[in-house]
Amino acid sequence: MDIWSMWLDAIRSVIEMLSSDLSLGLGLAIVVATVLLRTVLLPLALPIAYRGCVRQKKMIKLQPELQELKERYASKPDVYMQKMLELYRKHDLTVIDTKSLLGALAQLPIFLGMFQVLRNAGDGVKFLWAQSLLRPDALFALFAGLATAFMMAVNPDLPEQMRMLLILVPSVLAVMAALQFSSALAIYWTTSNTFSAIQTVLLHVVIRRRIDSGALRILENLV
């Protein structure tokens, strides 16, 4: 048996234990398993999310300088690129945050495993109003979309001019995806995105307090 199959079997075993042995039923078992998975991943996910939040705040602060460079060297793209990279280095930024990218890629197989297990789970299993968690359900799909909107909306650093678009587009895509797959997956997406939203809120509270206390400086000229 390969590692991937072992991982899928482990996910099924946990969900089955929660569903049958603890008598939660499949719907609640998916919720609890998702929360447990996201909690176990926190030592890896939190540093990545923290780096991303700090980077996003730095980039927002740098936008006026970047725009000035873009206008000044509009006819000299190679000089603009050089000056931009110098500005990034000055503030400990890189064009691509490779550490965060690698951390996100490391988590990808875990979430893909949940997707593969749950897309075929719940045949004939009832949960709340749904008669079978294997079939898509419009209301569960709507919840997945609302959870996605919540996850995006609680990020205070979304660009104001694109904020509504960045909230609506992922939410609509989530609803459309949930309508194509099982209700079990819609429950998983709803729970996972709600967890992410709460994590984002708490993370920004911590960062704001660190900035206010002087423990974290976003830019040198930050007052």
Protein backbone atom coordinates (compact mmCIF):
# COMPACT_ATOMS: atom_id res chain seq x y z
CA MET A 1 0.00 0.00 0.00
CA ASP A 2 1.42 3.41 -0.97
CA ILE A 3 1.62 6.44 1.31
CA TRP A 4 -1.29 8.21 -0.40
CA SER A 5 -3.62 5.25 0.10
CA MET A 6 -2.56 5.01 3.74
CA TRP A 7 -3.35 8.68 4.22
CA LEU A 8 -6.81 8.29 2.66
CA ASP A 9 -7.49 5.25 4.85
CA ALA A 10 -6.44 7.26 7.92
CA ILE A 11 -8.92 10.01 7.07
CA ARG A 12 -11.70 7.47 6.52
CA SER A 13 -10.87 5.78 9.84
CA VAL A 14 -11.04 9.03 11.79
CA ILE A 15 -14.33 10.05 10.19
CA GLU A 16 -15.78 6.56 10.73
CA MET A 17 -14.69 6.58 14.38
CA LEU A 18 -16.31 9.96 14.97
CA SER A 19 -19.41 8.99 13.03
CA SER A 20 -19.99 5.45 14.38
CA ASP A 21 -17.97 4.92 17.55
CA LEU A 22 -18.80 8.34 18.99
CA SER A 23 -22.28 8.33 17.42
CA LEU A 24 -21.93 11.78 15.88
CA GLY A 25 -23.26 10.79 12.50
CA LEU A 26 -21.43 11.55 9.28
CA GLY A 27 -22.39 15.24 9.07
CA LEU A 28 -21.07 16.19 12.52
CA ALA A 29 -18.13 13.82 12.07
CA ILE A 30 -17.03 15.86 9.03
CA VAL A 31 -17.30 19.08 11.04
CA VAL A 32 -15.30 17.70 13.97
CA ALA A 33 -12.70 16.01 11.74
CA THR A 34 -12.20 19.27 9.83
CA VAL A 35 -11.72 21.26 13.03
CA LEU A 36 -9.28 18.65 14.36
CA LEU A 37 -7.32 18.66 11.10
CA ARG A 38 -7.08 22.45 10.99
CA THR A 39 -6.07 22.53 14.66
CA VAL A 40 -3.32 19.95 14.15
CA LEU A 41 -2.02 22.01 11.23
CA LEU A 42 -1.84 25.25 13.24
CA PRO A 43 1.91 24.94 14.07
CA LEU A 44 2.56 24.93 10.31
CA ALA A 45 -0.30 27.12 9.12
CA LEU A 46 -0.07 29.96 11.66
CA PRO A 47 3.52 31.05 10.86
CA ILE A 48 2.64 31.03 7.16
CA ALA A 49 -0.50 33.07 7.76
CA TYR A 50 1.42 35.47 10.01
CA ARG A 51 4.12 36.01 7.35
CA GLY A 52 1.41 36.56 4.76
CA CYS A 53 -0.40 39.16 6.87
CA VAL A 54 2.78 41.09 7.66
CA ARG A 55 3.87 40.95 4.01
CA GLN A 56 0.45 42.20 2.89
CA LYS A 57 0.64 45.15 5.28
CA LYS A 58 4.13 46.02 4.07
CA MET A 59 3.02 45.89 0.44
CA ILE A 60 0.12 48.23 1.19
CA LYS A 61 2.49 50.71 2.82
CA LEU A 62 4.86 50.48 -0.14
CA GLN A 63 2.22 51.12 -2.81
CA PRO A 64 2.81 54.91 -3.03
CA GLU A 65 6.57 54.39 -3.49
CA LEU A 66 6.02 51.61 -6.00
CA GLN A 67 3.58 53.74 -7.96
CA GLU A 68 6.07 56.63 -7.96
CA LEU A 69 8.80 54.35 -9.29
CA LYS A 70 6.46 53.00 -11.96
CA GLU A 71 5.63 56.50 -13.18
CA ARG A 72 9.24 57.73 -12.99
CA TYR A 73 10.65 54.81 -14.97
CA ALA A 74 7.68 54.11 -17.23
CA SER A 75 9.94 54.15 -20.29
CA LYS A 76 12.71 52.15 -18.61
CA PRO A 77 11.21 48.85 -17.39
CA ASP A 78 14.62 47.36 -16.60
CA VAL A 79 15.49 50.31 -14.33
CA TYR A 80 12.05 50.13 -12.73
CA MET A 81 12.57 46.44 -11.96
CA GLN A 82 15.98 47.16 -10.44
CA LYS A 83 14.63 49.99 -8.26
CA MET A 84 11.66 47.89 -7.21
CA LEU A 85 13.91 45.02 -6.11
CA GLU A 86 16.07 47.48 -4.17
CA LEU A 87 12.98 48.77 -2.39
CA TYR A 88 11.89 45.22 -1.60
CA ARG A 89 15.30 44.33 -0.17
CA LYS A 90 15.29 47.48 1.96
CA HIS A 91 12.15 46.24 3.69
CA ASP A 92 13.04 42.53 3.80
CA LEU A 93 10.64 41.59 1.03
CA THR A 94 11.02 39.30 -1.95
CA VAL A 95 9.02 39.17 -5.18
CA ILE A 96 7.90 35.64 -4.26
CA ASP A 97 7.64 34.52 -0.64
CA THR A 98 9.15 31.07 -1.16
CA LYS A 99 8.83 30.01 2.51
CA SER A 100 5.09 30.65 2.54
CA LEU A 101 4.72 29.01 -0.87
CA LEU A 102 6.54 25.86 0.27
CA GLY A 103 4.49 25.78 3.48
CA ALA A 104 1.26 26.02 1.52
CA LEU A 105 2.38 23.25 -0.85
CA ALA A 106 3.23 21.05 2.15
CA GLN A 107 -0.40 21.34 3.33
CA LEU A 108 -1.90 20.68 -0.10
CA PRO A 109 -1.83 16.84 0.07
CA ILE A 110 -3.69 16.97 3.40
CA PHE A 111 -6.58 18.97 1.98
CA LEU A 112 -6.58 16.98 -1.25
CA GLY A 113 -6.95 13.86 0.85
CA MET A 114 -10.04 15.25 2.55
CA PHE A 115 -11.46 16.20 -0.84
CA GLN A 116 -10.89 12.75 -2.31
CA VAL A 117 -12.44 10.95 0.66
CA LEU A 118 -15.49 13.21 1.03
CA ARG A 119 -16.39 13.51 -2.64
CA ASN A 120 -17.62 9.90 -2.55
CA ALA A 121 -18.88 9.80 1.05
CA GLY A 122 -22.42 9.82 2.40
CA ASP A 123 -24.42 7.70 0.00
CA GLY A 124 -27.90 7.42 1.55
CA VAL A 125 -26.76 9.13 4.77
CA LYS A 126 -29.17 11.80 6.00
CA PHE A 127 -28.05 14.98 7.74
CA LEU A 128 -30.40 17.77 8.78
CA TRP A 129 -32.60 18.38 5.71
CA ALA A 130 -30.37 16.55 3.22
CA GLN A 131 -31.53 13.07 2.29
CA SER A 132 -28.10 11.94 1.06
CA LEU A 133 -24.75 13.60 1.75
CA LEU A 134 -23.44 12.12 -1.49
CA ARG A 135 -25.69 14.40 -3.51
CA PRO A 136 -25.28 18.17 -3.78
CA ASP A 137 -27.68 20.37 -1.84
CA ALA A 138 -28.47 24.00 -2.69
CA LEU A 139 -28.62 25.17 0.93
CA PHE A 140 -25.34 23.52 1.90
CA ALA A 141 -23.81 25.04 -1.24
CA LEU A 142 -25.07 28.45 -0.13
CA PHE A 143 -23.49 27.95 3.30
CA ALA A 144 -20.19 27.12 1.61
CA GLY A 145 -20.44 30.36 -0.35
CA LEU A 146 -21.31 32.40 2.74
CA ALA A 147 -18.40 30.89 4.69
CA THR A 148 -16.09 31.79 1.81
CA ALA A 149 -17.43 35.35 1.77
CA PHE A 150 -16.90 35.56 5.54
CA MET A 151 -13.34 34.29 5.19
CA MET A 152 -12.53 36.96 2.60
CA ALA A 153 -14.45 39.82 4.24
CA VAL A 154 -12.66 39.62 7.60
CA ASN A 155 -9.32 40.40 5.94
CA PRO A 156 -8.89 44.15 6.55
CA ASP A 157 -6.04 44.42 4.04
CA LEU A 158 -7.99 43.63 0.88
CA PRO A 159 -7.57 46.47 -1.66
CA GLU A 160 -10.57 48.78 -1.22
CA GLN A 161 -11.09 49.27 -4.96
CA MET A 162 -11.32 45.50 -5.47
CA ARG A 163 -12.68 44.44 -2.10
CA MET A 164 -16.21 43.57 -3.22
CA LEU A 165 -14.91 41.68 -6.26
CA LEU A 166 -12.43 39.69 -4.14
CA ILE A 167 -15.26 38.71 -1.80
CA LEU A 168 -17.92 37.90 -4.38
CA VAL A 169 -15.93 35.96 -6.98
CA PRO A 170 -14.53 33.26 -4.62
CA SER A 171 -17.95 33.00 -2.93
CA VAL A 172 -19.78 32.42 -6.23
CA LEU A 173 -17.14 29.90 -7.31
CA ALA A 174 -17.56 28.08 -3.97
CA VAL A 175 -21.32 27.83 -4.48
CA MET A 176 -20.87 26.58 -8.04
CA ALA A 177 -18.31 23.98 -6.94
CA ALA A 178 -20.49 22.80 -4.05
CA LEU A 179 -23.40 22.32 -6.44
CA GLN A 180 -21.24 19.97 -8.54
CA PHE A 181 -19.99 17.80 -5.68
CA SER A 182 -21.38 16.08 -2.61
CA SER A 183 -23.01 17.79 0.35
CA ALA A 184 -20.31 16.17 2.46
CA LEU A 185 -17.75 18.34 0.67
CA ALA A 186 -19.93 21.44 1.11
CA ILE A 187 -19.98 20.79 4.87
CA TYR A 188 -16.20 20.40 4.86
CA TRP A 189 -15.66 23.64 2.88
CA THR A 190 -18.07 25.54 5.14
CA THR A 191 -16.31 24.37 8.29
CA SER A 192 -12.79 24.87 6.95
CA ASN A 193 -13.49 28.37 5.61
CA THR A 194 -15.18 29.41 8.85
CA PHE A 195 -12.11 28.16 10.74
CA SER A 196 -9.91 30.21 8.40
CA ALA A 197 -12.03 33.31 8.96
CA ILE A 198 -11.76 33.03 12.75
CA GLN A 199 -8.02 32.40 12.44
CA THR A 200 -7.66 35.52 10.28
CA VAL A 201 -9.57 37.71 12.75
CA LEU A 202 -7.45 36.54 15.70
CA LEU A 203 -4.23 36.86 13.72
CA HIS A 204 -4.95 40.46 12.75
CA VAL A 205 -5.81 41.30 16.36
CA VAL A 206 -2.44 39.91 17.47
CA ILE A 207 -0.58 41.77 14.71
CA ARG A 208 -2.35 45.05 15.50
CA ARG A 209 -1.45 44.73 19.18
CA ARG A 210 2.18 43.99 18.29
CA ILE A 211 2.29 47.03 16.03
CA ASP A 212 0.72 49.26 18.70
CA SER A 213 3.17 48.02 21.32
CA GLY A 214 6.15 48.60 19.04
CA ALA A 215 7.08 44.92 18.99
CA LEU A 216 6.42 44.79 15.25
CA ARG A 217 7.45 47.45 12.75
CA ILE A 218 5.84 47.15 9.34
CA LEU A 219 8.07 49.78 7.75
CA GLU A 220 10.84 51.96 9.14
CA ASN A 221 8.77 55.06 8.70
CA LEU A 222 5.76 53.57 10.49
CA VAL A 223 4.60 55.79 13.35
